[in-house]
Protein backbone atom coordinates (compact mmCIF):
# COMPACT_ATOMS: atom_id res chain seq x y z
CA MET A 1 82.98 13.57 -39.22
CA ILE A 2 79.44 14.38 -40.22
CA PHE A 3 78.60 18.07 -40.53
CA VAL A 4 75.45 19.01 -38.66
CA GLY A 5 73.62 21.95 -40.14
CA PRO A 6 72.87 24.98 -38.01
CA ALA A 7 69.12 24.40 -38.30
CA LEU A 8 69.42 20.82 -37.03
CA GLY A 9 71.79 21.87 -34.26
CA SER A 10 69.44 24.66 -33.19
CA ALA A 11 66.48 22.29 -33.21
CA LEU A 12 68.38 19.80 -31.04
CA ALA A 13 69.42 22.53 -28.61
CA ILE A 14 65.86 23.84 -28.31
CA GLY A 15 64.54 20.31 -27.86
CA ALA A 16 67.11 19.56 -25.16
CA THR A 17 66.11 22.75 -23.37
CA LEU A 18 62.38 22.11 -23.58
CA VAL A 19 62.39 18.48 -22.42
CA PRO A 20 62.99 19.28 -18.72
CA VAL A 21 60.42 22.08 -18.84
CA VAL A 22 57.78 19.83 -20.38
CA ARG A 23 58.60 17.03 -17.94
CA HIS A 24 58.32 19.38 -14.95
CA ARG A 25 55.03 20.75 -16.26
CA SER A 26 53.54 17.28 -16.74
CA GLU A 27 54.64 16.23 -13.24
CA SER A 28 53.09 19.40 -11.84
CA ILE A 29 49.81 18.69 -13.63
CA ALA A 30 49.80 15.09 -12.37
CA THR A 31 50.48 16.19 -8.78
CA ASP A 32 47.76 18.84 -8.96
CA GLY A 33 45.31 16.25 -10.29
CA ALA A 34 46.21 13.85 -7.49
CA ARG A 35 45.63 16.61 -4.94
CA ARG A 36 42.26 17.44 -6.46
CA GLN A 37 41.22 13.80 -6.32
CA SER A 38 42.47 13.27 -2.75
CA ILE A 39 41.32 16.42 -0.97
CA PRO A 40 37.89 15.00 0.01
CA GLU A 41 39.61 12.06 1.75
CA LEU A 42 41.90 14.44 3.63
CA VAL A 43 38.94 16.54 4.77
CA ASP A 44 37.15 13.37 5.89
CA LEU A 45 40.18 12.39 7.97
CA PHE A 46 40.08 15.78 9.67
CA ARG A 47 36.33 15.37 10.24
CA LEU A 48 36.89 11.97 11.83
CA ALA A 49 39.56 13.36 14.13
CA VAL A 50 37.37 16.28 15.19
CA GLY A 51 34.39 13.96 15.61
CA ALA A 52 36.51 11.81 17.92
CA GLY A 53 36.84 14.81 20.23
CA LEU A 54 40.29 16.05 19.32
CA SER A 55 41.08 19.75 19.39
CA VAL A 56 42.23 21.68 16.37
CA HIS A 57 45.78 21.54 17.72
CA GLN A 58 45.74 17.75 17.95
CA VAL A 59 44.19 16.87 14.58
CA VAL A 60 47.24 17.51 12.39
CA GLY A 61 49.37 15.04 14.32
CA VAL A 62 46.64 12.41 14.20
CA VAL A 63 45.74 12.89 10.53
CA GLU A 64 49.30 13.05 9.17
CA PRO A 65 50.13 9.29 9.27
CA HIS A 66 46.86 8.41 7.53
CA ALA A 67 46.75 11.23 4.97
CA PRO A 68 47.03 10.62 1.22
CA ALA A 69 50.64 10.62 0.04
CA VAL A 70 50.37 13.92 -1.86
CA PHE A 71 49.64 15.73 1.43
CA ALA A 72 52.06 13.90 3.72
CA SER A 73 54.98 16.28 3.29
CA THR A 74 52.82 19.36 3.87
CA LEU A 75 51.27 17.92 7.03
CA ALA A 76 54.72 16.92 8.26
CA GLU A 77 55.90 20.48 7.65
CA VAL A 78 52.95 21.90 9.62
CA ARG A 79 53.65 19.52 12.50
CA ARG A 80 57.37 20.42 12.40
CA ARG A 81 56.60 24.14 12.51
CA VAL A 82 54.27 23.68 15.47
CA SER A 83 56.86 21.60 17.31
CA LEU A 84 59.35 24.45 16.80
CA GLY A 85 56.98 26.84 18.58
CA GLN A 86 55.07 28.45 15.73
CA ARG A 87 51.34 28.98 16.25
CA LEU A 88 49.15 26.45 14.44
CA GLY A 89 47.37 29.14 12.43
CA ASP A 90 50.71 30.46 11.20
CA ALA A 91 52.10 26.97 10.58
CA LEU A 92 49.15 26.29 8.29
CA ASP A 93 50.79 28.64 5.77
CA ALA A 94 52.45 25.48 4.46
CA PHE A 95 49.05 24.60 2.96
CA ASP A 96 49.39 27.57 0.59
CA GLU A 97 51.83 25.60 -1.58
CA LEU A 98 49.10 23.01 -2.22
CA GLY A 99 47.16 25.53 -4.26
CA GLU A 100 43.46 26.04 -4.74
CA PRO A 101 42.15 22.57 -3.80
CA ALA A 102 43.40 22.81 -0.20
CA ARG A 103 42.60 26.48 0.40
CA PRO A 104 39.12 25.94 1.97
CA LEU A 105 40.49 23.31 4.35
CA ALA A 106 43.35 25.58 5.40
CA SER A 107 40.89 28.46 5.93
CA ALA A 108 38.65 26.34 8.15
CA LEU A 109 41.61 25.13 10.21
CA ARG A 110 42.97 28.69 10.53
CA ALA A 111 39.58 30.02 11.63
CA ALA A 112 39.35 27.32 14.28
CA ALA A 113 42.93 27.93 15.46
CA PHE A 114 42.79 31.74 15.55
CA ASP A 115 39.15 32.54 16.31
CA GLY A 116 37.89 29.40 18.02
CA VAL A 117 35.27 28.74 15.33
CA ALA A 118 33.61 25.32 15.64
CA LEU A 119 35.59 23.06 13.34
CA GLY A 120 33.01 20.29 12.81
CA PRO A 121 30.41 22.29 10.83
CA ALA A 122 33.13 24.12 8.89
CA LEU A 123 34.72 20.81 7.86
CA GLU A 124 31.30 19.49 6.87
CA ARG A 125 30.87 22.39 4.43
CA VAL A 126 34.42 21.98 3.14
CA ALA A 127 33.88 18.25 2.59
CA THR A 128 30.67 18.86 0.64
CA ASP A 129 32.33 21.51 -1.50
CA ALA A 130 35.39 19.29 -2.10
CA ARG A 131 33.23 16.42 -3.30
CA LEU A 132 31.27 18.71 -5.61
CA GLN A 133 34.50 20.16 -6.97
CA ARG A 134 35.93 16.68 -7.59
CA ARG A 135 32.75 15.80 -9.46
CA ARG A 136 33.05 18.95 -11.60
CA TRP A 137 36.67 18.11 -12.44
CA ALA A 138 35.64 14.59 -13.41
CA GLU A 139 32.92 15.99 -15.69
CA ILE A 140 35.41 18.38 -17.29
CA ASN A 141 37.83 15.51 -17.92
CA ALA A 142 35.01 13.41 -19.34
CA ARG A 143 34.18 16.21 -21.78
CA LYS A 144 37.82 16.32 -22.92
CA LEU A 145 37.93 12.58 -23.62
CA PRO A 146 36.44 12.62 -27.16
CA VAL A 147 39.03 15.16 -28.27
CA GLN A 148 41.83 13.11 -26.72
CA LEU A 149 40.61 9.97 -28.46
CA LEU A 150 40.47 11.66 -31.85
CA PHE A 151 44.17 11.13 -32.63
CA PRO A 152 44.16 7.35 -31.94
CA LEU A 153 40.92 7.05 -33.91
CA VAL A 154 42.31 8.79 -36.96
CA THR A 155 45.75 7.16 -36.90
CA CYS A 156 44.87 3.59 -35.91
CA ILE A 157 41.24 2.64 -36.26
CA LEU A 158 40.31 4.36 -39.52
CA PRO A 159 43.30 2.97 -41.47
CA ALA A 160 42.57 -0.49 -40.10
CA PHE A 161 38.94 -0.13 -41.16
CA GLY A 162 40.08 0.90 -44.61
CA LEU A 163 42.42 -2.08 -44.94
CA LEU A 164 39.88 -4.61 -43.69
CA ALA A 165 36.67 -3.33 -45.24
CA ILE A 166 37.36 -1.04 -48.18
CA VAL A 167 40.47 -2.58 -49.79
CA PRO A 168 38.92 -6.07 -50.27
CA LEU A 169 35.84 -4.52 -51.88
CA VAL A 170 37.92 -2.42 -54.26
CA ALA A 171 40.20 -5.37 -55.09
CA GLY A 172 37.17 -7.58 -55.79
CA SER A 173 35.55 -5.01 -58.03
CA LEU A 174 38.82 -4.35 -59.92
CA SER A 175 39.15 -8.04 -60.76
CA SER A 176 35.66 -8.07 -62.27
CA LEU A 177 36.44 -5.16 -64.61
CA GLN A 178 37.48 -6.09 -68.12
CA TRP A 179 39.91 -4.00 -70.14
């Protein structure tokens, strides 16, 4: 039997513990990014439903089947809570788990449900802000791209350039030298 040193065993134990944490974190980041990208479409669906003459209490049921997949479970939860007798404004607490991207939409829907605020103009502002926010996130990601491409550049492209351009020149000049 091979003896595994304590350092190697500790490293394997730490690695085995960190893998699920890192995987969960990367899934969380991917889901958050999908929500940020999809929130303008969700707001537009609500705007279409309100523009069609539906009340604030009817829009969730109409929007849910057509909503982006990252919001489907939350909208289903809101609809379930309302069907169990909870007020719509209180049922919209399920939107809190979606985080910052959905907060303005939830606030507009709550204001319409509790206070009777006109939903159309509020959703128009939310849609404009959501599109601007998506554009800002895209610009931030575009600024990160050169840093992310640095590793492949250094590990793949520069060595290939050296092998294809520099090594033949050096080999040719070495053969012309006389000892």
